[in-house]
Amino acid sequence: MAFLDWAEINNKLEKTFKFDNYNEVVLFTNKVMQIAIDQDHHPEIHVHYNFVKVRITDYEHGSVSSKCQGFVTAVNQVV
């Protein structure tokens, strides 16, 4: 299953976002973190110099849920 160009891998939605520089990476990561706080749904965020990999699952359900889909929709809107 793919949702909004996110891949489902091992019961998690995952996407890599590429940027031109580290400053853009930090700005994006801060936006993703704010979404996580607002939704009380916390992803794995892997930060690198010019890309960020985000993974999300619903640990209470052990798989992707509608809560995850709401999260990825919000993240896609801040890119």
N, C-alpha and C. Protein backbone atom coordinates (compact mmCIF):
# COMPACT_ATOMS: atom_id res chain seq x y z
N MET A 1 0.84 -1.19 0.00
CA MET A 1 0.00 0.00 0.00
C MET A 1 0.88 1.24 0.00
N ALA A 2 0.52 2.22 -0.74
CA ALA A 2 1.19 3.52 -0.70
C ALA A 2 0.14 4.57 -0.39
N PHE A 3 0.48 5.54 0.38
CA PHE A 3 -0.44 6.62 0.73
C PHE A 3 0.25 7.94 0.48
N LEU A 4 -0.25 8.70 -0.47
CA LEU A 4 0.33 10.00 -0.81
C LEU A 4 1.82 9.91 -1.06
N ASP A 5 2.22 8.96 -1.85
CA ASP A 5 3.60 8.68 -2.25
C ASP A 5 4.52 8.29 -1.09
N TRP A 6 3.94 7.86 0.01
CA TRP A 6 4.69 7.24 1.08
C TRP A 6 4.64 5.73 0.85
N ALA A 7 5.71 5.04 1.18
CA ALA A 7 5.73 3.58 1.04
C ALA A 7 5.38 2.95 2.39
N GLU A 8 4.69 1.83 2.34
CA GLU A 8 4.45 1.08 3.57
C GLU A 8 5.48 -0.04 3.64
N ILE A 9 6.33 0.01 4.66
CA ILE A 9 7.40 -0.96 4.84
C ILE A 9 7.38 -1.40 6.30
N ASN A 10 7.24 -2.69 6.53
CA ASN A 10 7.22 -3.25 7.89
C ASN A 10 6.22 -2.54 8.80
N ASN A 11 5.00 -2.37 8.31
CA ASN A 11 3.91 -1.76 9.08
C ASN A 11 4.17 -0.30 9.46
N LYS A 12 4.97 0.38 8.65
CA LYS A 12 5.22 1.81 8.85
C LYS A 12 5.10 2.52 7.52
N LEU A 13 4.59 3.76 7.54
CA LEU A 13 4.65 4.61 6.36
C LEU A 13 5.99 5.33 6.38
N GLU A 14 6.64 5.40 5.24
CA GLU A 14 8.00 5.95 5.17
C GLU A 14 8.17 6.79 3.92
N LYS A 15 8.89 7.90 4.10
CA LYS A 15 9.20 8.75 2.95
C LYS A 15 10.50 9.50 3.22
N THR A 16 11.29 9.68 2.16
CA THR A 16 12.51 10.48 2.24
C THR A 16 12.27 11.79 1.51
N PHE A 17 12.57 12.88 2.18
CA PHE A 17 12.43 14.23 1.63
C PHE A 17 13.82 14.78 1.37
N LYS A 18 14.08 15.25 0.17
CA LYS A 18 15.40 15.76 -0.20
C LYS A 18 15.38 17.29 -0.25
N PHE A 19 16.50 17.89 0.16
CA PHE A 19 16.62 19.34 0.24
C PHE A 19 17.96 19.79 -0.33
N ASP A 20 18.07 21.09 -0.60
CA ASP A 20 19.30 21.64 -1.17
C ASP A 20 20.39 21.85 -0.14
N ASN A 21 20.01 22.03 1.13
CA ASN A 21 21.03 22.31 2.14
C ASN A 21 20.51 21.96 3.53
N TYR A 22 21.42 22.00 4.49
CA TYR A 22 21.08 21.61 5.86
C TYR A 22 20.09 22.56 6.51
N ASN A 23 20.15 23.83 6.18
CA ASN A 23 19.20 24.78 6.75
C ASN A 23 17.77 24.40 6.40
N GLU A 24 17.53 24.00 5.15
CA GLU A 24 16.20 23.55 4.74
C GLU A 24 15.80 22.28 5.48
N VAL A 25 16.76 21.40 5.71
CA VAL A 25 16.51 20.17 6.46
C VAL A 25 16.02 20.51 7.87
N VAL A 26 16.69 21.42 8.53
CA VAL A 26 16.33 21.79 9.90
C VAL A 26 14.95 22.45 9.94
N LEU A 27 14.68 23.36 9.01
CA LEU A 27 13.36 24.01 8.98
C LEU A 27 12.25 22.99 8.78
N PHE A 28 12.43 22.06 7.84
CA PHE A 28 11.43 21.03 7.60
C PHE A 28 11.26 20.14 8.83
N THR A 29 12.36 19.71 9.42
CA THR A 29 12.31 18.83 10.59
C THR A 29 11.54 19.49 11.73
N ASN A 30 11.77 20.77 11.95
CA ASN A 30 11.04 21.48 13.00
C ASN A 30 9.54 21.51 12.72
N LYS A 31 9.15 21.66 11.46
CA LYS A 31 7.73 21.64 11.10
C LYS A 31 7.12 20.26 11.36
N VAL A 32 7.86 19.21 11.00
CA VAL A 32 7.39 17.85 11.23
C VAL A 32 7.24 17.59 12.73
N MET A 33 8.20 18.06 13.50
CA MET A 33 8.13 17.88 14.95
C MET A 33 6.91 18.59 15.54
N GLN A 34 6.57 19.76 15.02
CA GLN A 34 5.41 20.49 15.52
C GLN A 34 4.12 19.74 15.17
N ILE A 35 4.05 19.16 13.98
CA ILE A 35 2.90 18.34 13.61
C ILE A 35 2.76 17.18 14.59
N ALA A 36 3.87 16.52 14.88
CA ALA A 36 3.85 15.39 15.80
C ALA A 36 3.34 15.81 17.18
N ILE A 37 3.78 16.95 17.65
CA ILE A 37 3.33 17.45 18.95
C ILE A 37 1.84 17.77 18.90
N ASP A 38 1.42 18.48 17.86
CA ASP A 38 0.02 18.88 17.74
C ASP A 38 -0.92 17.67 17.65
N GLN A 39 -0.48 16.63 16.95
CA GLN A 39 -1.32 15.44 16.76
C GLN A 39 -1.08 14.36 17.81
N ASP A 40 -0.10 14.58 18.68
CA ASP A 40 0.28 13.58 19.68
C ASP A 40 0.51 12.21 19.01
N HIS A 41 1.27 12.27 17.92
CA HIS A 41 1.59 11.07 17.14
C HIS A 41 3.03 11.25 16.65
N HIS A 42 3.94 10.47 17.18
CA HIS A 42 5.36 10.77 17.07
C HIS A 42 6.10 9.80 16.15
N PRO A 43 6.70 10.35 15.09
CA PRO A 43 7.40 9.54 14.09
C PRO A 43 8.86 9.29 14.46
N GLU A 44 9.48 8.43 13.68
CA GLU A 44 10.94 8.33 13.65
C GLU A 44 11.39 9.37 12.63
N ILE A 45 12.36 10.18 12.99
CA ILE A 45 12.88 11.19 12.06
C ILE A 45 14.39 11.00 11.99
N HIS A 46 14.89 10.73 10.79
CA HIS A 46 16.32 10.55 10.57
C HIS A 46 16.81 11.75 9.76
N VAL A 47 17.68 12.55 10.37
CA VAL A 47 18.14 13.80 9.78
C VAL A 47 19.55 13.62 9.22
N HIS A 48 19.73 14.05 7.97
CA HIS A 48 21.02 14.01 7.30
C HIS A 48 21.28 15.39 6.68
N TYR A 49 22.43 15.57 6.06
CA TYR A 49 22.78 16.90 5.54
C TYR A 49 21.76 17.43 4.54
N ASN A 50 21.34 16.59 3.58
CA ASN A 50 20.44 17.11 2.55
C ASN A 50 19.16 16.28 2.39
N PHE A 51 18.86 15.44 3.36
CA PHE A 51 17.58 14.73 3.32
C PHE A 51 17.11 14.36 4.72
N VAL A 52 15.81 14.11 4.80
CA VAL A 52 15.17 13.68 6.05
C VAL A 52 14.32 12.46 5.72
N LYS A 53 14.48 11.40 6.48
CA LYS A 53 13.62 10.23 6.32
C LYS A 53 12.65 10.21 7.51
N VAL A 54 11.37 10.09 7.20
CA VAL A 54 10.33 10.08 8.23
C VAL A 54 9.60 8.74 8.15
N ARG A 55 9.42 8.11 9.30
CA ARG A 55 8.65 6.86 9.40
C ARG A 55 7.61 7.04 10.49
N ILE A 56 6.41 6.49 10.24
CA ILE A 56 5.35 6.61 11.23
C ILE A 56 4.54 5.31 11.26
N THR A 57 4.15 4.90 12.44
CA THR A 57 3.24 3.78 12.64
C THR A 57 2.41 4.07 13.87
N ASP A 58 1.39 3.29 14.07
CA ASP A 58 0.57 3.41 15.27
C ASP A 58 0.94 2.24 16.18
N TYR A 59 1.77 2.51 17.17
CA TYR A 59 2.26 1.44 18.03
C TYR A 59 1.16 0.78 18.83
N GLU A 60 0.08 1.51 19.11
CA GLU A 60 -1.05 0.93 19.84
C GLU A 60 -1.75 -0.14 19.02
N HIS A 61 -1.78 0.03 17.69
CA HIS A 61 -2.44 -0.93 16.81
C HIS A 61 -1.45 -1.89 16.15
N GLY A 62 -0.16 -1.57 16.22
CA GLY A 62 0.85 -2.41 15.61
C GLY A 62 0.90 -2.32 14.09
N SER A 63 0.31 -1.26 13.55
CA SER A 63 0.30 -1.09 12.10
C SER A 63 -0.07 0.35 11.76
N VAL A 64 -0.18 0.62 10.49
CA VAL A 64 -0.59 1.94 10.01
C VAL A 64 -2.08 2.13 10.31
N SER A 65 -2.43 3.31 10.80
CA SER A 65 -3.82 3.61 11.12
C SER A 65 -4.24 4.92 10.45
N SER A 66 -5.48 5.29 10.65
CA SER A 66 -5.96 6.57 10.12
C SER A 66 -5.22 7.73 10.76
N LYS A 67 -4.75 7.54 11.97
CA LYS A 67 -3.94 8.57 12.63
C LYS A 67 -2.64 8.79 11.85
N CYS A 68 -2.04 7.73 11.36
CA CYS A 68 -0.83 7.83 10.55
C CYS A 68 -1.13 8.55 9.24
N GLN A 69 -2.26 8.24 8.65
CA GLN A 69 -2.63 8.87 7.39
C GLN A 69 -2.85 10.36 7.57
N GLY A 70 -3.44 10.76 8.69
CA GLY A 70 -3.59 12.18 8.99
C GLY A 70 -2.25 12.87 9.16
N PHE A 71 -1.31 12.17 9.79
CA PHE A 71 0.02 12.71 9.98
C PHE A 71 0.72 12.94 8.65
N VAL A 72 0.71 11.93 7.76
CA VAL A 72 1.43 12.08 6.49
C VAL A 72 0.77 13.15 5.60
N THR A 73 -0.53 13.28 5.69
CA THR A 73 -1.20 14.33 4.95
C THR A 73 -0.70 15.70 5.40
N ALA A 74 -0.59 15.90 6.70
CA ALA A 74 -0.11 17.16 7.24
C ALA A 74 1.35 17.41 6.86
N VAL A 75 2.18 16.38 6.91
CA VAL A 75 3.60 16.54 6.55
C VAL A 75 3.72 16.89 5.07
N ASN A 76 2.96 16.25 4.21
CA ASN A 76 3.04 16.56 2.79
C ASN A 76 2.67 18.01 2.51
N GLN A 77 1.86 18.62 3.35
CA GLN A 77 1.44 20.01 3.14
C GLN A 77 2.52 21.02 3.51
N VAL A 78 3.53 20.62 4.29
CA VAL A 78 4.58 21.58 4.70
C VAL A 78 5.81 21.53 3.80
N VAL A 79 5.82 20.62 2.84
CA VAL A 79 6.98 20.51 1.95
C VAL A 79 7.00 21.68 0.99
